[in-house]
Protein backbone atom coordinates (compact mmCIF):
# COMPACT_ATOMS: atom_id res chain seq x y z
CA MET A 1 0.00 0.00 0.00
CA GLY A 2 1.66 3.19 -1.12
CA ILE A 3 0.77 6.80 -1.50
CA GLY A 4 -0.13 8.33 -4.82
CA ILE A 5 2.40 10.04 -7.03
CA PHE A 6 0.76 13.44 -6.48
CA ARG A 7 1.01 13.04 -2.69
CA GLN A 8 4.65 11.97 -3.03
CA TRP A 9 5.36 15.12 -5.02
CA GLU A 10 3.61 17.24 -2.38
CA LEU A 11 5.69 15.67 0.38
CA TRP A 12 8.94 16.06 -1.54
CA SER A 13 8.13 19.70 -2.33
CA GLU A 14 7.44 20.37 1.35
CA ILE A 15 10.73 18.72 2.37
CA ILE A 16 12.66 20.87 -0.09
CA ARG A 17 10.83 24.03 0.99
CA ILE A 18 11.59 23.41 4.66
CA SER A 19 15.19 22.36 4.01
CA THR A 20 15.95 25.69 2.35
CA LYS A 21 15.09 27.48 5.60
CA VAL A 22 17.79 25.81 7.69
CA ARG A 23 21.51 26.42 7.71
CA ASP A 24 22.62 22.83 7.19
CA CYS A 25 20.53 19.99 5.85
CA ARG A 26 21.63 16.60 4.53
CA PHE A 27 19.60 13.72 3.12
CA GLU A 28 20.86 10.15 3.26
CA TYR A 29 19.28 6.88 2.20
CA THR A 30 18.84 4.37 5.00
CA PRO A 31 17.34 0.96 4.24
CA ARG A 32 14.11 0.28 6.10
CA SER A 33 15.64 -2.86 7.62
CA SER A 34 18.26 -0.68 9.32
CA ASN A 35 15.73 1.74 10.72
CA GLU A 36 12.58 -0.26 11.51
CA LEU A 37 11.40 1.79 14.49
CA ALA A 38 11.59 5.07 12.54
CA HIS A 39 9.74 3.42 9.66
CA THR A 40 7.01 2.19 12.02
CA ILE A 41 6.62 5.63 13.58
CA ALA A 42 6.46 7.31 10.17
CA THR A 43 3.95 4.91 8.61
CA GLU A 44 1.66 4.73 11.64
CA THR A 45 1.72 8.50 12.09
CA LEU A 46 0.75 8.98 8.44
CA LYS A 47 -2.04 6.39 8.75
CA ARG A 48 -3.38 8.17 11.84
CA ARG A 49 -2.97 11.58 10.17
CA GLN A 50 -1.11 12.84 13.21
CA GLU A 51 1.67 15.32 13.71
CA ILE A 52 4.05 14.28 16.45
CA TYR A 53 7.27 15.51 17.98
CA LEU A 54 9.56 12.92 19.49
CA LYS A 55 10.88 13.84 22.90
CA GLY A 56 12.45 11.13 25.00
CA ASN A 57 10.61 7.98 23.96
CA ALA A 58 8.93 6.51 20.91
CA PRO A 59 5.11 6.65 20.82
CA GLU A 60 3.47 3.75 22.66
CA TYR A 61 1.88 2.38 19.46
CA ALA A 62 5.31 2.08 17.82
CA VAL A 63 6.78 0.27 20.81
CA THR A 64 3.79 -2.12 20.92
CA LEU A 65 4.04 -2.88 17.18
CA LYS A 66 7.78 -3.45 17.48
CA GLU A 67 7.23 -5.88 20.38
CA LYS A 68 4.58 -7.78 18.39
CA GLU A 69 6.93 -8.05 15.40
CA SER A 70 9.76 -9.40 17.53
CA VAL A 71 7.51 -12.18 18.90
CA ARG A 72 6.88 -13.68 15.43
CA GLU A 73 7.70 -17.31 14.97
CA PRO A 74 10.92 -18.08 13.12
CA ASP A 75 10.80 -18.72 9.35
């Protein structure tokens, strides 16, 4: 399940617009497998149409989902 091409363009445009307002900004590719918690937070936040600011800990829903994923039976 992905987002439409128009929505992708909107998001990319917003990223570029915001990045021009800061002194130093760098983008790097990180595979999802190397950053699963961040991916979970991003996808769940988009699904819930929320805006969050991370301070201290990850949102409870992300921690719960991560715990459920780690309990899966082996392949």
